Amino acid sequence: MSEAETINDDLGRALEALPHGAEFRFIDRLLSLEPGESGVAEYALRGDEPFLRGHFPGQPMMPGVLLLEAAAQLAGTVTQSDPKVPPMPGLKLTAVRGAKILGTARPGEVIRLEARVIGRLNNLVQARAQASVNGRLVLETELTLSGEL
């Protein structure tokens, strides 16, 4: 199995440990994963996503809150992949700190996501995350995720 196949097999397992359905996932491809520590992923904004019809008619763009959600999903994927800690059921985004939405993505663009776990205490996980499009930073934030023990 190639490194890319291994990484995306890890992505499949980690995404299954998140509470989202396939219709609400904003990670298409995992580029790198340091289990429990950090990850880099991509989401290609196709243009046919239902939320784009209303955001904004004639000028579709990825909503900032969904950029945050994509970052949280990557942070959750990193968290749930930790080999030293069993996956937490119901892992969800519970806090956002210092979020800066500096831009957005338009149909046909690829969003590059990066997340790093910076702290863990029982069922709480803190992460730093960012998103960029064509090398341009569009989001930076700190996230808190929590799950059931």
N, C-alpha and C. Protein backbone atom coordinates (compact mmCIF):
# COMPACT_ATOMS: atom_id res chain seq x y z
N MET A 1 0.84 -1.17 0.00
CA MET A 1 0.00 0.00 0.00
C MET A 1 0.89 1.24 0.00
N SER A 2 0.59 2.21 -0.89
CA SER A 2 1.39 3.43 -0.97
C SER A 2 1.10 4.33 0.23
N GLU A 3 1.97 5.33 0.41
CA GLU A 3 1.78 6.27 1.52
C GLU A 3 0.46 7.01 1.37
N ALA A 4 0.12 7.43 0.14
CA ALA A 4 -1.14 8.14 -0.09
C ALA A 4 -2.34 7.26 0.25
N GLU A 5 -2.28 5.97 -0.15
CA GLU A 5 -3.37 5.05 0.17
C GLU A 5 -3.50 4.85 1.68
N THR A 6 -2.36 4.75 2.37
CA THR A 6 -2.37 4.59 3.82
C THR A 6 -2.98 5.80 4.49
N ILE A 7 -2.58 7.01 4.05
CA ILE A 7 -3.10 8.24 4.63
C ILE A 7 -4.61 8.32 4.42
N ASN A 8 -5.09 8.01 3.23
CA ASN A 8 -6.52 8.13 2.97
C ASN A 8 -7.31 7.00 3.61
N ASP A 9 -6.68 5.86 3.87
CA ASP A 9 -7.32 4.82 4.67
C ASP A 9 -7.47 5.31 6.10
N ASP A 10 -6.43 6.00 6.62
CA ASP A 10 -6.51 6.63 7.94
C ASP A 10 -7.63 7.66 7.95
N LEU A 11 -7.77 8.44 6.87
CA LEU A 11 -8.82 9.45 6.78
C LEU A 11 -10.19 8.79 6.88
N GLY A 12 -10.39 7.71 6.15
CA GLY A 12 -11.67 7.01 6.19
C GLY A 12 -12.03 6.56 7.60
N ARG A 13 -11.08 5.97 8.29
CA ARG A 13 -11.33 5.51 9.68
C ARG A 13 -11.60 6.68 10.61
N ALA A 14 -10.82 7.75 10.47
CA ALA A 14 -11.00 8.90 11.36
C ALA A 14 -12.32 9.61 11.08
N LEU A 15 -12.71 9.73 9.81
CA LEU A 15 -13.99 10.37 9.49
C LEU A 15 -15.16 9.56 10.04
N GLU A 16 -15.04 8.24 10.04
CA GLU A 16 -16.09 7.40 10.61
C GLU A 16 -16.27 7.65 12.10
N ALA A 17 -15.21 8.12 12.77
CA ALA A 17 -15.28 8.39 14.21
C ALA A 17 -15.87 9.77 14.50
N LEU A 18 -16.14 10.57 13.46
CA LEU A 18 -16.79 11.87 13.64
C LEU A 18 -18.29 11.70 13.49
N PRO A 19 -19.09 12.60 14.09
CA PRO A 19 -20.54 12.43 14.06
C PRO A 19 -21.21 12.87 12.76
N HIS A 20 -20.49 13.42 11.80
CA HIS A 20 -21.08 13.98 10.60
C HIS A 20 -21.46 12.91 9.58
N GLY A 21 -22.52 13.17 8.85
CA GLY A 21 -22.86 12.36 7.70
C GLY A 21 -22.03 12.80 6.50
N ALA A 22 -21.98 11.95 5.50
CA ALA A 22 -21.17 12.24 4.31
C ALA A 22 -21.57 13.56 3.65
N GLU A 23 -22.86 13.94 3.75
CA GLU A 23 -23.33 15.17 3.12
C GLU A 23 -22.77 16.43 3.78
N PHE A 24 -22.21 16.28 4.97
CA PHE A 24 -21.73 17.44 5.70
C PHE A 24 -20.25 17.28 6.05
N ARG A 25 -19.50 16.70 5.15
CA ARG A 25 -18.05 16.56 5.35
C ARG A 25 -17.34 17.51 4.42
N PHE A 26 -16.35 18.19 4.97
CA PHE A 26 -15.62 19.18 4.20
C PHE A 26 -14.14 18.83 4.12
N ILE A 27 -13.86 17.53 4.02
CA ILE A 27 -12.51 17.03 3.77
C ILE A 27 -12.63 16.00 2.66
N ASP A 28 -11.94 16.25 1.56
CA ASP A 28 -11.93 15.31 0.44
C ASP A 28 -10.71 14.41 0.48
N ARG A 29 -9.59 14.99 0.93
CA ARG A 29 -8.32 14.28 0.82
C ARG A 29 -7.42 14.68 1.97
N LEU A 30 -6.80 13.69 2.56
CA LEU A 30 -5.83 13.93 3.63
C LEU A 30 -4.45 13.86 3.01
N LEU A 31 -3.69 14.95 3.13
CA LEU A 31 -2.36 15.01 2.53
C LEU A 31 -1.29 14.49 3.47
N SER A 32 -1.48 14.75 4.76
CA SER A 32 -0.54 14.22 5.74
C SER A 32 -1.26 14.09 7.08
N LEU A 33 -0.76 13.17 7.88
CA LEU A 33 -1.35 12.93 9.19
C LEU A 33 -0.26 12.45 10.14
N GLU A 34 -0.09 13.20 11.23
CA GLU A 34 0.71 12.75 12.36
C GLU A 34 -0.34 12.40 13.41
N PRO A 35 -0.70 11.13 13.54
CA PRO A 35 -1.83 10.73 14.39
C PRO A 35 -1.79 11.37 15.77
N GLY A 36 -2.90 12.03 16.10
CA GLY A 36 -3.04 12.68 17.40
C GLY A 36 -2.32 14.00 17.52
N GLU A 37 -1.58 14.41 16.49
CA GLU A 37 -0.78 15.64 16.56
C GLU A 37 -1.17 16.68 15.53
N SER A 38 -1.13 16.33 14.24
CA SER A 38 -1.42 17.32 13.21
C SER A 38 -1.83 16.65 11.91
N GLY A 39 -2.41 17.46 11.05
CA GLY A 39 -2.81 16.95 9.75
C GLY A 39 -2.99 18.08 8.76
N VAL A 40 -2.92 17.71 7.49
CA VAL A 40 -3.15 18.63 6.38
C VAL A 40 -4.13 17.94 5.45
N ALA A 41 -5.15 18.68 5.03
CA ALA A 41 -6.18 18.10 4.17
C ALA A 41 -6.63 19.12 3.13
N GLU A 42 -7.43 18.65 2.19
CA GLU A 42 -7.99 19.52 1.16
C GLU A 42 -9.48 19.27 1.01
N TYR A 43 -10.16 20.34 0.63
CA TYR A 43 -11.56 20.25 0.24
C TYR A 43 -11.70 21.04 -1.06
N ALA A 44 -12.16 20.37 -2.11
CA ALA A 44 -12.36 21.04 -3.39
C ALA A 44 -13.80 21.53 -3.45
N LEU A 45 -13.97 22.82 -3.60
CA LEU A 45 -15.29 23.40 -3.70
C LEU A 45 -15.76 23.22 -5.15
N ARG A 46 -16.67 22.29 -5.33
CA ARG A 46 -17.09 21.88 -6.67
C ARG A 46 -17.97 22.91 -7.37
N GLY A 47 -18.86 23.52 -6.60
CA GLY A 47 -19.79 24.48 -7.19
C GLY A 47 -21.21 23.98 -7.19
N ASP A 48 -21.41 22.67 -6.95
CA ASP A 48 -22.77 22.13 -6.93
C ASP A 48 -23.31 21.93 -5.51
N GLU A 49 -22.55 22.37 -4.50
CA GLU A 49 -22.99 22.21 -3.12
C GLU A 49 -24.26 23.04 -2.90
N PRO A 50 -25.26 22.47 -2.22
CA PRO A 50 -26.53 23.17 -2.02
C PRO A 50 -26.40 24.54 -1.34
N PHE A 51 -25.46 24.69 -0.42
CA PHE A 51 -25.34 25.96 0.30
C PHE A 51 -24.89 27.10 -0.61
N LEU A 52 -24.27 26.79 -1.75
CA LEU A 52 -23.80 27.84 -2.64
C LEU A 52 -24.93 28.55 -3.38
N ARG A 53 -26.08 27.88 -3.51
CA ARG A 53 -27.20 28.51 -4.22
C ARG A 53 -27.65 29.80 -3.53
N GLY A 54 -27.55 29.85 -2.21
CA GLY A 54 -27.99 31.04 -1.50
C GLY A 54 -26.85 31.88 -0.96
N HIS A 55 -25.61 31.48 -1.20
CA HIS A 55 -24.46 32.20 -0.60
C HIS A 55 -23.41 32.45 -1.67
N PHE A 56 -23.52 33.31 -2.48
CA PHE A 56 -24.54 34.31 -2.73
C PHE A 56 -24.96 34.16 -4.17
N PRO A 57 -26.26 34.31 -4.49
CA PRO A 57 -26.72 34.13 -5.87
C PRO A 57 -25.90 34.98 -6.85
N GLY A 58 -25.35 34.32 -7.86
CA GLY A 58 -24.53 35.01 -8.85
C GLY A 58 -23.07 35.18 -8.47
N GLN A 59 -22.75 35.06 -7.18
CA GLN A 59 -21.37 35.18 -6.71
C GLN A 59 -21.14 34.14 -5.61
N PRO A 60 -21.21 32.85 -5.93
CA PRO A 60 -21.10 31.83 -4.89
C PRO A 60 -19.73 31.82 -4.21
N MET A 61 -19.76 31.63 -2.89
CA MET A 61 -18.51 31.52 -2.12
C MET A 61 -18.77 30.67 -0.89
N MET A 62 -17.72 30.03 -0.41
CA MET A 62 -17.78 29.20 0.78
C MET A 62 -18.08 30.08 2.00
N PRO A 63 -19.15 29.79 2.73
CA PRO A 63 -19.44 30.57 3.94
C PRO A 63 -18.31 30.42 4.97
N GLY A 64 -18.02 31.51 5.67
CA GLY A 64 -16.98 31.50 6.69
C GLY A 64 -17.23 30.47 7.77
N VAL A 65 -18.50 30.29 8.15
CA VAL A 65 -18.79 29.31 9.20
C VAL A 65 -18.48 27.90 8.72
N LEU A 66 -18.57 27.66 7.42
CA LEU A 66 -18.22 26.33 6.91
C LEU A 66 -16.72 26.16 6.77
N LEU A 67 -15.98 27.25 6.61
CA LEU A 67 -14.52 27.16 6.70
C LEU A 67 -14.13 26.73 8.11
N LEU A 68 -14.81 27.32 9.11
CA LEU A 68 -14.56 26.91 10.50
C LEU A 68 -14.92 25.44 10.70
N GLU A 69 -16.04 25.03 10.14
CA GLU A 69 -16.47 23.63 10.27
C GLU A 69 -15.44 22.69 9.63
N ALA A 70 -14.93 23.07 8.46
CA ALA A 70 -13.92 22.23 7.79
C ALA A 70 -12.68 22.10 8.67
N ALA A 71 -12.25 23.22 9.26
CA ALA A 71 -11.09 23.19 10.15
C ALA A 71 -11.36 22.30 11.36
N ALA A 72 -12.57 22.40 11.92
CA ALA A 72 -12.93 21.57 13.07
C ALA A 72 -12.97 20.09 12.69
N GLN A 73 -13.43 19.77 11.48
CA GLN A 73 -13.46 18.38 11.05
C GLN A 73 -12.04 17.82 10.92
N LEU A 74 -11.12 18.63 10.41
CA LEU A 74 -9.74 18.16 10.35
C LEU A 74 -9.17 17.99 11.74
N ALA A 75 -9.41 18.97 12.63
CA ALA A 75 -8.94 18.84 14.01
C ALA A 75 -9.52 17.58 14.66
N GLY A 76 -10.79 17.30 14.40
CA GLY A 76 -11.41 16.08 14.92
C GLY A 76 -10.79 14.83 14.34
N THR A 77 -10.47 14.87 13.06
CA THR A 77 -9.83 13.73 12.41
C THR A 77 -8.47 13.45 13.04
N VAL A 78 -7.71 14.50 13.28
CA VAL A 78 -6.40 14.36 13.93
C VAL A 78 -6.59 13.79 15.34
N THR A 79 -7.54 14.35 16.08
CA THR A 79 -7.82 13.89 17.45
C THR A 79 -8.20 12.42 17.49
N GLN A 80 -9.10 12.02 16.62
CA GLN A 80 -9.62 10.65 16.64
C GLN A 80 -8.61 9.63 16.13
N SER A 81 -7.53 10.09 15.53
CA SER A 81 -6.52 9.17 14.99
C SER A 81 -5.40 8.86 16.00
N ASP A 82 -5.47 9.44 17.19
CA ASP A 82 -4.40 9.28 18.18
C ASP A 82 -4.33 7.82 18.62
N PRO A 83 -3.20 7.14 18.39
CA PRO A 83 -3.10 5.73 18.76
C PRO A 83 -3.02 5.50 20.27
N LYS A 84 -2.71 6.57 21.03
CA LYS A 84 -2.58 6.42 22.49
C LYS A 84 -3.89 6.66 23.24
N VAL A 85 -4.89 7.22 22.53
CA VAL A 85 -6.16 7.57 23.17
C VAL A 85 -7.30 7.01 22.32
N PRO A 86 -8.21 6.25 22.91
CA PRO A 86 -9.32 5.74 22.10
C PRO A 86 -10.19 6.88 21.58
N PRO A 87 -10.78 6.70 20.39
CA PRO A 87 -11.67 7.73 19.85
C PRO A 87 -12.80 8.05 20.83
N MET A 88 -13.16 9.32 20.88
CA MET A 88 -14.25 9.75 21.76
C MET A 88 -15.56 9.78 20.99
N PRO A 89 -16.57 9.10 21.48
CA PRO A 89 -17.88 9.18 20.81
C PRO A 89 -18.41 10.61 20.86
N GLY A 90 -19.09 11.01 19.80
CA GLY A 90 -19.76 12.30 19.79
C GLY A 90 -18.85 13.50 19.83
N LEU A 91 -17.63 13.39 19.31
CA LEU A 91 -16.70 14.51 19.31
C LEU A 91 -17.29 15.66 18.49
N LYS A 92 -17.39 16.84 19.11
CA LYS A 92 -18.01 17.99 18.46
C LYS A 92 -17.23 19.27 18.75
N LEU A 93 -17.43 20.23 17.89
CA LEU A 93 -16.88 21.57 18.10
C LEU A 93 -17.67 22.24 19.22
N THR A 94 -16.97 22.73 20.24
CA THR A 94 -17.67 23.36 21.36
C THR A 94 -17.24 24.79 21.62
N ALA A 95 -16.13 25.24 21.05
CA ALA A 95 -15.72 26.63 21.24
C ALA A 95 -14.79 27.05 20.10
N VAL A 96 -14.88 28.33 19.77
CA VAL A 96 -14.03 28.94 18.75
C VAL A 96 -13.43 30.19 19.38
N ARG A 97 -12.12 30.32 19.27
CA ARG A 97 -11.44 31.50 19.84
C ARG A 97 -10.58 32.16 18.78
N GLY A 98 -10.59 33.45 18.79
CA GLY A 98 -9.69 34.21 17.94
C GLY A 98 -9.83 33.94 16.46
N ALA A 99 -11.04 33.60 16.03
CA ALA A 99 -11.22 33.28 14.61
C ALA A 99 -11.09 34.54 13.75
N LYS A 100 -10.33 34.40 12.69
CA LYS A 100 -10.19 35.47 11.71
C LYS A 100 -10.50 34.87 10.35
N ILE A 101 -11.56 35.37 9.75
CA ILE A 101 -11.92 34.94 8.40
C ILE A 101 -11.39 36.02 7.47
N LEU A 102 -10.35 35.68 6.75
CA LEU A 102 -9.60 36.66 5.98
C LEU A 102 -9.90 36.60 4.48
N GLY A 103 -10.74 35.64 4.10
CA GLY A 103 -11.08 35.47 2.70
C GLY A 103 -12.01 34.29 2.57
N THR A 104 -12.16 33.80 1.36
CA THR A 104 -13.05 32.67 1.13
C THR A 104 -12.58 31.88 -0.08
N ALA A 105 -13.36 30.88 -0.42
CA ALA A 105 -13.09 30.07 -1.62
C ALA A 105 -14.30 30.16 -2.54
N ARG A 106 -14.03 30.05 -3.81
CA ARG A 106 -15.09 30.08 -4.82
C ARG A 106 -15.09 28.73 -5.55
N PRO A 107 -16.19 28.42 -6.22
CA PRO A 107 -16.24 27.16 -6.95
C PRO A 107 -15.03 26.96 -7.86
N GLY A 108 -14.51 25.75 -7.83
CA GLY A 108 -13.32 25.41 -8.61
C GLY A 108 -12.03 25.55 -7.83
N GLU A 109 -12.09 26.18 -6.66
CA GLU A 109 -10.88 26.34 -5.85
C GLU A 109 -10.76 25.22 -4.82
N VAL A 110 -9.52 24.98 -4.40
CA VAL A 110 -9.24 23.95 -3.40
C VAL A 110 -8.82 24.64 -2.11
N ILE A 111 -9.47 24.25 -1.03
CA ILE A 111 -9.16 24.79 0.29
C ILE A 111 -8.16 23.85 0.95
N ARG A 112 -7.04 24.38 1.36
CA ARG A 112 -6.03 23.60 2.07
C ARG A 112 -6.22 23.88 3.56
N LEU A 113 -6.41 22.83 4.33
CA LEU A 113 -6.66 22.92 5.76
C LEU A 113 -5.46 22.36 6.52
N GLU A 114 -5.12 23.00 7.62
CA GLU A 114 -4.06 22.51 8.50
C GLU A 114 -4.57 22.60 9.93
N ALA A 115 -4.33 21.56 10.72
CA ALA A 115 -4.74 21.57 12.12
C ALA A 115 -3.68 20.90 12.97
N ARG A 116 -3.48 21.44 14.16
CA ARG A 116 -2.53 20.88 15.13
C ARG A 116 -3.18 20.86 16.49
N VAL A 117 -3.16 19.70 17.14
CA VAL A 117 -3.65 19.59 18.51
C VAL A 117 -2.61 20.23 19.42
N ILE A 118 -3.05 21.18 20.25
CA ILE A 118 -2.11 21.88 21.13
C ILE A 118 -2.33 21.54 22.60
N GLY A 119 -3.41 20.83 22.90
CA GLY A 119 -3.65 20.45 24.28
C GLY A 119 -4.81 19.48 24.40
N ARG A 120 -4.73 18.66 25.44
CA ARG A 120 -5.78 17.68 25.70
C ARG A 120 -5.95 17.56 27.20
N LEU A 121 -7.20 17.56 27.66
CA LEU A 121 -7.51 17.35 29.06
C LEU A 121 -8.82 16.59 29.13
N ASN A 122 -8.73 15.35 29.54
CA ASN A 122 -9.90 14.46 29.61
C ASN A 122 -10.63 14.45 28.27
N ASN A 123 -11.87 14.98 28.24
CA ASN A 123 -12.64 14.93 27.00
C ASN A 123 -12.57 16.24 26.20
N LEU A 124 -11.65 17.13 26.56
CA LEU A 124 -11.48 18.39 25.84
C LEU A 124 -10.19 18.38 25.03
N VAL A 125 -10.28 18.89 23.83
CA VAL A 125 -9.13 18.97 22.94
C VAL A 125 -9.04 20.38 22.40
N GLN A 126 -7.86 20.97 22.46
CA GLN A 126 -7.64 22.29 21.87
C GLN A 126 -6.77 22.12 20.64
N ALA A 127 -7.11 22.88 19.61
CA ALA A 127 -6.35 22.80 18.36
C ALA A 127 -6.23 24.19 17.74
N ARG A 128 -5.17 24.37 16.99
CA ARG A 128 -5.01 25.55 16.14
C ARG A 128 -5.24 25.08 14.72
N ALA A 129 -5.91 25.91 13.95
CA ALA A 129 -6.19 25.52 12.57
C ALA A 129 -6.13 26.73 11.66
N GLN A 130 -5.90 26.45 10.40
CA GLN A 130 -5.92 27.49 9.39
C GLN A 130 -6.36 26.89 8.07
N ALA A 131 -6.81 27.78 7.19
CA ALA A 131 -7.20 27.38 5.84
C ALA A 131 -6.60 28.38 4.87
N SER A 132 -6.23 27.87 3.71
CA SER A 132 -5.70 28.76 2.67
C SER A 132 -6.23 28.31 1.31
N VAL A 133 -6.26 29.25 0.40
CA VAL A 133 -6.69 29.00 -0.98
C VAL A 133 -5.64 29.62 -1.88
N ASN A 134 -5.05 28.82 -2.75
CA ASN A 134 -4.00 29.30 -3.66
C ASN A 134 -2.89 30.03 -2.90
N GLY A 135 -2.52 29.49 -1.73
CA GLY A 135 -1.45 30.07 -0.94
C GLY A 135 -1.85 31.30 -0.14
N ARG A 136 -3.11 31.71 -0.24
CA ARG A 136 -3.62 32.89 0.47
C ARG A 136 -4.36 32.44 1.72
N LEU A 137 -3.94 32.91 2.89
CA LEU A 137 -4.58 32.55 4.14
C LEU A 137 -6.00 33.11 4.17
N VAL A 138 -6.99 32.23 4.43
CA VAL A 138 -8.39 32.67 4.48
C VAL A 138 -9.02 32.47 5.85
N LEU A 139 -8.36 31.68 6.72
CA LEU A 139 -8.90 31.44 8.05
C LEU A 139 -7.76 31.07 8.99
N GLU A 140 -7.83 31.62 10.20
CA GLU A 140 -6.99 31.13 11.29
C GLU A 140 -7.82 31.18 12.55
N THR A 141 -7.66 30.15 13.40
CA THR A 141 -8.50 30.05 14.58
C THR A 141 -7.92 29.08 15.60
N GLU A 142 -8.45 29.13 16.81
CA GLU A 142 -8.25 28.11 17.82
C GLU A 142 -9.59 27.49 18.10
N LEU A 143 -9.61 26.19 18.23
CA LEU A 143 -10.85 25.43 18.41
C LEU A 143 -10.78 24.58 19.65
N THR A 144 -11.93 24.38 20.27
CA THR A 144 -12.04 23.40 21.35
C THR A 144 -13.06 22.37 20.89
N LEU A 145 -12.68 21.11 20.99
CA LEU A 145 -13.56 20.00 20.68
C LEU A 145 -13.82 19.25 21.97
N SER A 146 -14.99 18.67 22.09
CA SER A 146 -15.25 17.83 23.26
C SER A 146 -16.04 16.61 22.83
N GLY A 147 -15.84 15.54 23.57
CA GLY A 147 -16.53 14.29 23.30
C GLY A 147 -16.90 13.62 24.60
N GLU A 148 -17.52 12.48 24.46
CA GLU A 148 -17.90 11.70 25.65
C GLU A 148 -16.72 10.81 26.03
N LEU A 149 -16.55 10.63 27.31
CA LEU A 149 -15.47 9.74 27.77
C LEU A 149 -15.97 8.31 27.90
